[in-house]
Structures are given as structure tokens and as C-alpha cells.
Amino acid sequence: MLLCVITCFTAAALTGCLSLTYPQDRLGEAMWIVEDKDGNRCYLFGTVHTAKNTDMYPFADVIEDAYAYCGSVAAEADVTKPSDDGILDLYKYTDGTTVKDHLSADTYDAAVEAIKEYEGSYDGKYDNYAAIYLYSVLDHHNTEKCGYSAEFGSDSYFINKAKTDGKTVYELEGEAKQIEMTLRLSDKTVDYFIVSALKNKGSAGLDYYDTVYKEGGVDLLAYSINSGKNAQYNDAELAAGMSEYYDIMITQRNKALAEAVKKSLSDGERVFFALGISRLVGDDGVVAVLQSEGYKVIRK
């Protein structure tokens, strides 16, 4: 429990409240302090899952000190551990169909050509897996080709740090739950994602996102997410699918993450939440959800 009252008596016994002397106008990766009506606190740090190198580590003192103050780290999933046996089976079609039945012929053919470029050939090994898995394969190949790796992601950084320091690591979702969420997306939506991914191969988008993240440009990220919510599509089926995507992957998901934050506060736990920056910002981000429910949330 973190009680930042006037005397800071309990907190001082632990290591003290975070100093108020940190730069208030600093550039850099975004973190927020969350406080409930009883003065219990936790910290929300926005992460990225991939990066090119370790040039952003260590983080600003206010971030590293917030981590040090907390007894545990909470992430969407523990990206540092191997996948469970059989996890890929969750993606497999069990109704006798293949991915060709769920994508347009043009999209499938274009995806196969891209895989041939990345892997040298294609023998149909992904055909029995859901279309969203094919999208993840393409995204992974492009990310790696552009020099980005999960090894250097900021969620990996804090999870590994916590394990080294003997702190508890909480998985708020886990890989299986994340897969289940993506499998709820419509075929039309996933087809659209694959087409978009193939059109935007290369590092331009990744590099821009990396720069915005490192500069703490949360307003730009929020604008992008909010624009997606309000985007218009000529195809009615795609419009419905994208609306469903926003509800599943942003609205519902962020509310569930906010509930985890609220529980940690009510339990008096000192938790450092290392969550994807896109989970935190925007009209339906975790920060906005908590603020709407009366929690004090301050960018630090």
C-alpha cells in the first residue's frame, strides 16, 4: 500500500513517496500515477512490444524509481517466457475449412507471395490456421526484417528486471486469452488487416511509432486510436467488422485492464503496470476509463 498523505509516514518506512522534484516537462516514454480516494497508488507505464536496440534504457529516473518502489509488475502477458505447448492449436480450423475459405483469393495469393519473399518458399503450412495467424506471421516477418525485436521491447525490459529482482510478475491476459480475442474478429476485418499490412511493408510506420513513443507523444497516439474508432468504410460488412474490432480489442479490453488496476489499489498493492502504450491512451484507454470513474490519474 502506498499512502501519500501529508506525513508520508507509512510510505517513508518503505522508501518514501516519489519526489515532486522530477522534471515536470520531460520528454520521453509516458508514465502515469494512479491514486484512489484513500491515497493508495500504482503506476501505469506505457510499453512497446518491440524495439531496435537498448538505446532507451535505462528510462528516466522517475520511471525507474517508480518500478523500484513497487513490489510487483503487471503486464498483459509475460512475453519473456516460451509459449505453452499446443498454443498454436488454438488457431487451427476445426470445421474442415482452410484459410483460403476465409480470405479473398487476391488477398490469399498476395499473402503467399509475401511469405515466399520472407521464407524462400511456401508449402501451405499456414493454410490450416486462422487468417489472423497468417496476419501475425506477415507482421512478425516484416518487423524482424526492419530490425525490430521483442527482445528489446520495454515490456520485456521490466518483466526481466522484475524476475531478476525477485518481484512478482502478473499476467493480466496471457497469450491464450489474447489469441481468443483475435479469433473473434470477422474474416472481412482480418482480410483488411492483411491487405493493409502488405501495402505498408517496410520500416516507415515502425520507425515513426518508435520515435513518437520515445518522445512521449501520447496525443498523437491518442488521435490515431480515436480516428480508428470514427473511421468510415464504404463496405458495410467491413464497417461492422471494424466496429466490432474496436469494441473487442480496445473498449472491452481496456475496461478489463482498468479493473485490474482498480483491484490492485483496493488491495493496497504497490504495482507497476507495464501495459502497451496503445492500451493506455485515447478516449477509451485505461487512463480515460479510470479518470471517468473518479480516480486521480496524473502524467508524471
Protein backbone atom coordinates (compact mmCIF):
# COMPACT_ATOMS: atom_id res chain seq x y z
CA MET A 1 0.00 0.00 0.00
CA LEU A 2 1.25 3.47 -0.89
CA LEU A 3 -0.19 6.18 1.35
CA CYS A 4 0.90 9.64 0.22
CA VAL A 5 -0.61 11.73 2.99
CA ILE A 6 0.97 14.84 4.44
CA THR A 7 3.27 12.98 6.79
CA CYS A 8 4.07 10.17 4.32
CA PHE A 9 4.68 8.10 7.45
CA THR A 10 3.94 4.64 6.09
CA ALA A 11 5.49 5.36 2.70
CA ALA A 12 8.64 6.76 4.27
CA ALA A 13 9.11 3.49 6.08
CA LEU A 14 9.11 1.70 2.72
CA THR A 15 11.33 4.13 0.71
CA GLY A 16 9.19 7.23 0.51
CA CYS A 17 6.83 8.77 -2.00
CA LEU A 18 8.20 9.63 -5.38
CA SER A 19 9.84 13.02 -5.20
CA LEU A 20 7.99 16.02 -6.58
CA THR A 21 11.27 17.42 -7.90
CA TYR A 22 11.39 15.33 -11.06
CA PRO A 23 11.17 17.42 -14.25
CA GLN A 24 7.51 18.09 -14.97
CA ASP A 25 8.05 18.86 -18.64
CA ARG A 26 10.37 15.98 -19.51
CA LEU A 27 10.32 14.31 -22.90
CA GLY A 28 10.31 10.55 -23.00
CA GLU A 29 8.21 7.46 -22.50
CA ALA A 30 4.89 8.06 -20.77
CA MET A 31 4.01 7.08 -17.22
CA TRP A 32 1.04 7.96 -15.02
CA ILE A 33 0.45 7.83 -11.27
CA VAL A 34 -2.98 6.48 -10.32
CA GLU A 35 -4.40 7.27 -6.90
CA ASP A 36 -7.70 6.31 -5.27
CA LYS A 37 -9.68 8.23 -2.65
CA ASP A 38 -7.77 6.50 0.16
CA GLY A 39 -4.38 7.58 -1.17
CA ASN A 40 -3.38 4.15 -2.49
CA ARG A 41 -1.19 4.41 -5.56
CA CYS A 42 0.04 2.41 -8.50
CA TYR A 43 1.86 3.33 -11.70
CA LEU A 44 0.91 2.93 -15.36
CA PHE A 45 3.84 2.77 -17.73
CA GLY A 46 3.27 2.64 -21.48
CA THR A 47 5.32 -0.03 -23.24
CA VAL A 48 6.12 -1.13 -26.76
CA HIS A 49 6.49 -4.83 -27.55
CA THR A 50 9.41 -4.45 -29.98
CA ALA A 51 12.37 -2.12 -30.39
CA LYS A 52 15.60 -1.96 -32.39
CA ASN A 53 18.10 -1.84 -29.55
CA THR A 54 18.64 -0.83 -25.93
CA ASP A 55 19.14 2.88 -26.57
CA MET A 56 16.15 3.90 -24.43
CA TYR A 57 17.38 2.04 -21.33
CA PRO A 58 17.56 2.86 -18.53
CA PHE A 59 14.47 5.05 -18.50
CA ALA A 60 14.05 8.44 -16.85
CA ASP A 61 14.69 8.38 -13.09
CA VAL A 62 11.01 8.92 -12.29
CA ILE A 63 10.13 5.72 -14.18
CA GLU A 64 12.95 3.60 -12.80
CA ASP A 65 12.22 4.83 -9.27
CA ALA A 66 8.51 4.03 -9.64
CA TYR A 67 9.44 0.49 -10.67
CA ALA A 68 11.86 0.17 -7.73
CA TYR A 69 9.20 1.35 -5.31
CA CYS A 70 6.69 -1.31 -6.40
CA GLY A 71 6.63 -4.89 -5.21
CA SER A 72 5.33 -6.37 -8.45
CA VAL A 73 5.00 -5.82 -12.18
CA ALA A 74 1.80 -6.46 -14.13
CA ALA A 75 1.79 -6.92 -17.91
CA GLU A 76 -0.75 -8.03 -20.48
CA ALA A 77 1.28 -11.20 -20.98
CA ASP A 78 4.70 -12.49 -19.98
CA VAL A 79 6.40 -12.08 -23.33
CA THR A 80 9.70 -13.41 -21.96
CA LYS A 81 8.55 -17.00 -21.42
CA PRO A 82 8.15 -19.67 -24.12
CA SER A 83 4.65 -20.28 -25.45
CA ASP A 84 2.75 -23.12 -23.84
CA ASP A 85 2.75 -26.44 -25.66
CA GLY A 86 -0.07 -26.60 -28.15
CA ILE A 87 -0.78 -22.87 -28.06
CA LEU A 88 -0.80 -22.72 -31.86
CA ASP A 89 -3.56 -25.33 -31.92
CA LEU A 90 -5.90 -22.58 -30.76
CA TYR A 91 -5.56 -21.07 -34.23
CA LYS A 92 -6.40 -24.27 -36.12
CA TYR A 93 -9.67 -24.56 -38.00
CA THR A 94 -11.77 -27.47 -36.77
CA ASP A 95 -14.67 -27.18 -39.21
CA GLY A 96 -12.94 -28.60 -42.26
CA THR A 97 -12.17 -25.21 -43.79
CA THR A 98 -8.79 -23.69 -44.57
CA VAL A 99 -7.60 -20.11 -44.61
CA LYS A 100 -8.47 -19.98 -48.31
CA ASP A 101 -12.14 -20.19 -47.34
CA HIS A 102 -11.83 -17.17 -45.07
CA LEU A 103 -9.91 -14.74 -47.27
CA SER A 104 -10.48 -13.37 -50.74
CA ALA A 105 -8.46 -15.16 -53.41
CA ASP A 106 -6.49 -11.99 -54.15
CA THR A 107 -5.57 -11.47 -50.50
CA TYR A 108 -4.53 -15.10 -50.03
CA ASP A 109 -2.39 -15.04 -53.16
CA ALA A 110 -0.71 -11.79 -52.15
CA ALA A 111 -0.02 -13.16 -48.66
CA VAL A 112 1.54 -16.31 -50.11
CA GLU A 113 3.80 -14.24 -52.37
CA ALA A 114 4.94 -12.20 -49.38
CA ILE A 115 5.70 -15.36 -47.38
CA LYS A 116 7.75 -16.66 -50.30
CA GLU A 117 9.77 -13.45 -50.19
CA TYR A 118 10.36 -13.82 -46.46
CA GLU A 119 10.85 -17.60 -46.23
CA GLY A 120 12.01 -18.52 -49.74
CA SER A 121 9.07 -20.82 -50.48
CA TYR A 122 5.60 -21.74 -49.30
CA ASP A 123 4.27 -25.28 -48.92
CA GLY A 124 0.86 -24.43 -47.45
CA LYS A 125 1.97 -24.89 -43.83
CA TYR A 126 -0.19 -21.99 -42.62
CA ASP A 127 -3.34 -22.96 -44.55
CA ASN A 128 -4.97 -24.82 -41.66
CA TYR A 129 -4.54 -21.91 -39.27
CA ALA A 130 -6.90 -18.97 -38.80
CA ALA A 131 -6.47 -15.95 -41.03
CA ILE A 132 -5.41 -13.83 -38.06
CA TYR A 133 -2.44 -16.16 -37.59
CA LEU A 134 -1.41 -15.59 -41.19
CA TYR A 135 -1.56 -11.87 -40.49
CA SER A 136 0.62 -12.31 -37.40
CA VAL A 137 3.19 -14.28 -39.44
CA LEU A 138 3.41 -11.50 -42.01
CA ASP A 139 3.63 -8.82 -39.33
CA HIS A 140 6.36 -10.75 -37.48
CA HIS A 141 8.45 -11.20 -40.62
CA ASN A 142 8.20 -7.53 -41.54
CA THR A 143 9.02 -6.42 -38.01
CA GLU A 144 12.13 -8.60 -37.88
CA LYS A 145 13.24 -7.58 -41.38
CA CYS A 146 13.08 -3.94 -40.27
CA GLY A 147 15.40 -4.68 -37.34
CA TYR A 148 12.85 -4.69 -34.52
CA SER A 149 12.79 -7.42 -31.91
CA ALA A 150 10.68 -8.37 -28.89
CA GLU A 151 13.97 -8.88 -27.05
CA PHE A 152 14.32 -5.10 -26.75
CA GLY A 153 10.67 -4.28 -26.04
CA SER A 154 10.04 -2.22 -22.94
CA ASP A 155 7.62 -4.78 -21.51
CA SER A 156 10.39 -7.41 -21.79
CA TYR A 157 12.75 -4.97 -20.07
CA PHE A 158 10.60 -4.63 -16.96
CA ILE A 159 9.48 -8.26 -16.83
CA ASN A 160 13.08 -9.46 -16.99
CA LYS A 161 14.07 -6.83 -14.44
CA ALA A 162 11.32 -7.97 -12.07
CA LYS A 163 12.36 -11.62 -12.35
CA THR A 164 15.99 -10.71 -11.66
CA ASP A 165 14.94 -8.62 -8.65
CA GLY A 166 12.67 -11.34 -7.26
CA LYS A 167 9.46 -9.39 -7.81
CA THR A 168 6.14 -10.98 -8.73
CA VAL A 169 5.08 -10.76 -12.38
CA TYR A 170 1.33 -10.80 -13.03
CA GLU A 171 -0.14 -11.72 -16.39
CA LEU A 172 -3.39 -9.80 -16.79
CA GLU A 173 -4.40 -11.54 -20.00
CA GLY A 174 -1.92 -14.18 -21.09
CA GLU A 175 -1.23 -15.49 -24.57
CA ALA A 176 -4.23 -17.84 -24.79
CA LYS A 177 -6.71 -15.11 -23.85
CA GLN A 178 -5.13 -12.72 -26.34
CA ILE A 179 -5.47 -15.31 -29.10
CA GLU A 180 -9.10 -15.90 -28.17
CA MET A 181 -9.80 -12.19 -28.55
CA THR A 182 -8.31 -12.05 -32.04
CA LEU A 183 -10.22 -15.16 -33.13
CA ARG A 184 -13.45 -13.27 -32.53
CA LEU A 185 -12.66 -10.83 -35.34
CA SER A 186 -14.56 -11.20 -38.60
CA ASP A 187 -12.97 -12.62 -41.75
CA LYS A 188 -13.61 -9.32 -43.50
CA THR A 189 -11.71 -7.44 -40.83
CA VAL A 190 -8.71 -9.76 -40.91
CA ASP A 191 -8.67 -9.66 -44.72
CA TYR A 192 -8.50 -5.87 -44.46
CA PHE A 193 -5.64 -6.09 -41.95
CA ILE A 194 -3.62 -8.39 -44.21
CA VAL A 195 -4.12 -6.15 -47.24
CA SER A 196 -3.07 -3.12 -45.17
CA ALA A 197 -0.01 -4.92 -43.83
CA LEU A 198 1.10 -5.87 -47.34
CA LYS A 199 0.63 -2.31 -48.59
CA ASN A 200 2.65 -0.90 -45.72
CA LYS A 201 5.64 -3.23 -45.63
CA GLY A 202 8.87 -1.62 -44.56
CA SER A 203 10.08 0.32 -41.56
CA ALA A 204 8.47 3.75 -42.12
CA GLY A 205 5.48 3.13 -39.87
CA LEU A 206 7.52 1.28 -37.26
CA ASP A 207 10.17 3.99 -37.16
CA TYR A 208 7.56 6.72 -36.79
CA TYR A 209 5.81 4.88 -33.97
CA ASP A 210 9.18 4.29 -32.28
CA THR A 211 10.02 7.99 -32.44
CA VAL A 212 6.63 9.09 -31.13
CA TYR A 213 6.90 6.57 -28.30
CA LYS A 214 10.36 7.65 -27.22
CA GLU A 215 9.30 11.31 -27.25
CA GLY A 216 6.20 10.58 -25.19
CA GLY A 217 3.85 11.79 -27.91
CA VAL A 218 0.69 10.38 -26.36
CA ASP A 219 -1.55 12.99 -28.00
CA LEU A 220 -0.53 11.75 -31.45
CA LEU A 221 -1.12 8.14 -30.45
CA ALA A 222 -4.48 9.01 -28.93
CA TYR A 223 -5.51 10.87 -32.08
CA SER A 224 -4.63 7.84 -34.19
CA ILE A 225 -6.64 5.47 -32.00
CA ASN A 226 -9.63 7.80 -31.81
CA SER A 227 -9.56 8.25 -35.58
CA GLY A 228 -9.80 4.50 -35.99
CA LYS A 229 -12.92 4.46 -33.87
CA ASN A 230 -14.60 7.04 -36.08
CA ALA A 231 -13.28 5.84 -39.46
CA GLN A 232 -15.78 5.41 -42.30
CA TYR A 233 -15.81 2.45 -44.70
CA ASN A 234 -17.66 2.08 -47.99
CA ASP A 235 -18.21 -1.63 -47.38
CA ALA A 236 -20.99 -2.16 -44.81
CA GLU A 237 -19.67 -5.57 -43.78
CA LEU A 238 -16.19 -4.17 -43.20
CA ALA A 239 -17.64 -1.21 -41.28
CA ALA A 240 -19.46 -3.61 -38.96
CA GLY A 241 -16.35 -5.74 -38.56
CA MET A 242 -14.14 -2.79 -37.70
CA SER A 243 -16.67 -1.52 -35.18
CA GLU A 244 -16.63 -4.98 -33.59
CA TYR A 245 -12.81 -4.94 -33.63
CA TYR A 246 -12.75 -1.63 -31.74
CA ASP A 247 -15.22 -2.95 -29.17
CA ILE A 248 -13.34 -6.22 -28.57
CA MET A 249 -9.74 -5.12 -28.81
CA ILE A 250 -9.99 -1.63 -27.34
CA THR A 251 -13.18 -0.87 -25.39
CA GLN A 252 -13.73 -4.20 -23.65
CA ARG A 253 -10.07 -4.98 -23.31
CA ASN A 254 -9.15 -1.65 -21.75
CA LYS A 255 -12.05 -1.83 -19.31
CA ALA A 256 -10.81 -5.22 -18.14
CA LEU A 257 -7.28 -3.86 -17.68
CA ALA A 258 -8.67 -0.89 -15.77
CA GLU A 259 -10.47 -3.33 -13.46
CA ALA A 260 -7.12 -4.96 -12.68
CA VAL A 261 -5.69 -1.55 -11.79
CA LYS A 262 -8.65 -0.80 -9.53
CA LYS A 263 -8.28 -4.15 -7.76
CA SER A 264 -4.61 -3.55 -7.05
CA LEU A 265 -5.50 -0.22 -5.47
CA SER A 266 -8.31 -1.64 -3.36
CA ASP A 267 -5.98 -4.43 -2.20
CA GLY A 268 -3.31 -1.89 -1.26
CA GLU A 269 -0.73 -3.43 -3.61
CA ARG A 270 2.16 -1.41 -4.99
CA VAL A 271 2.04 -2.50 -8.64
CA PHE A 272 3.97 -1.22 -11.64
CA PHE A 273 1.67 -1.79 -14.62
CA ALA A 274 3.73 -2.19 -17.81
CA LEU A 275 0.98 -2.06 -20.44
CA GLY A 276 1.11 -1.37 -24.16
CA ILE A 277 1.00 2.38 -24.67
CA SER A 278 -1.93 1.93 -27.06
CA ARG A 279 -3.87 0.34 -24.20
CA LEU A 280 -3.46 3.46 -22.06
CA VAL A 281 -4.29 6.41 -24.31
CA GLY A 282 -7.29 7.53 -26.33
CA ASP A 283 -10.93 8.16 -25.49
CA ASP A 284 -11.37 4.55 -24.35
CA GLY A 285 -7.88 3.99 -22.97
CA VAL A 286 -7.18 2.76 -19.46
CA VAL A 287 -6.28 6.28 -18.33
CA ALA A 288 -9.60 7.70 -19.56
CA VAL A 289 -11.57 4.81 -18.01
CA LEU A 290 -10.01 5.37 -14.61
CA GLN A 291 -10.46 9.13 -14.78
CA SER A 292 -14.14 8.72 -15.68
CA GLU A 293 -14.61 6.65 -12.52
CA GLY A 294 -13.12 9.28 -10.23
CA TYR A 295 -9.55 8.06 -9.89
CA LYS A 296 -6.79 10.64 -9.84
CA VAL A 297 -4.50 9.98 -12.80
CA ILE A 298 -1.50 12.24 -13.36
CA ARG A 299 1.10 12.10 -16.12
CA LYS A 300 4.50 12.01 -14.45
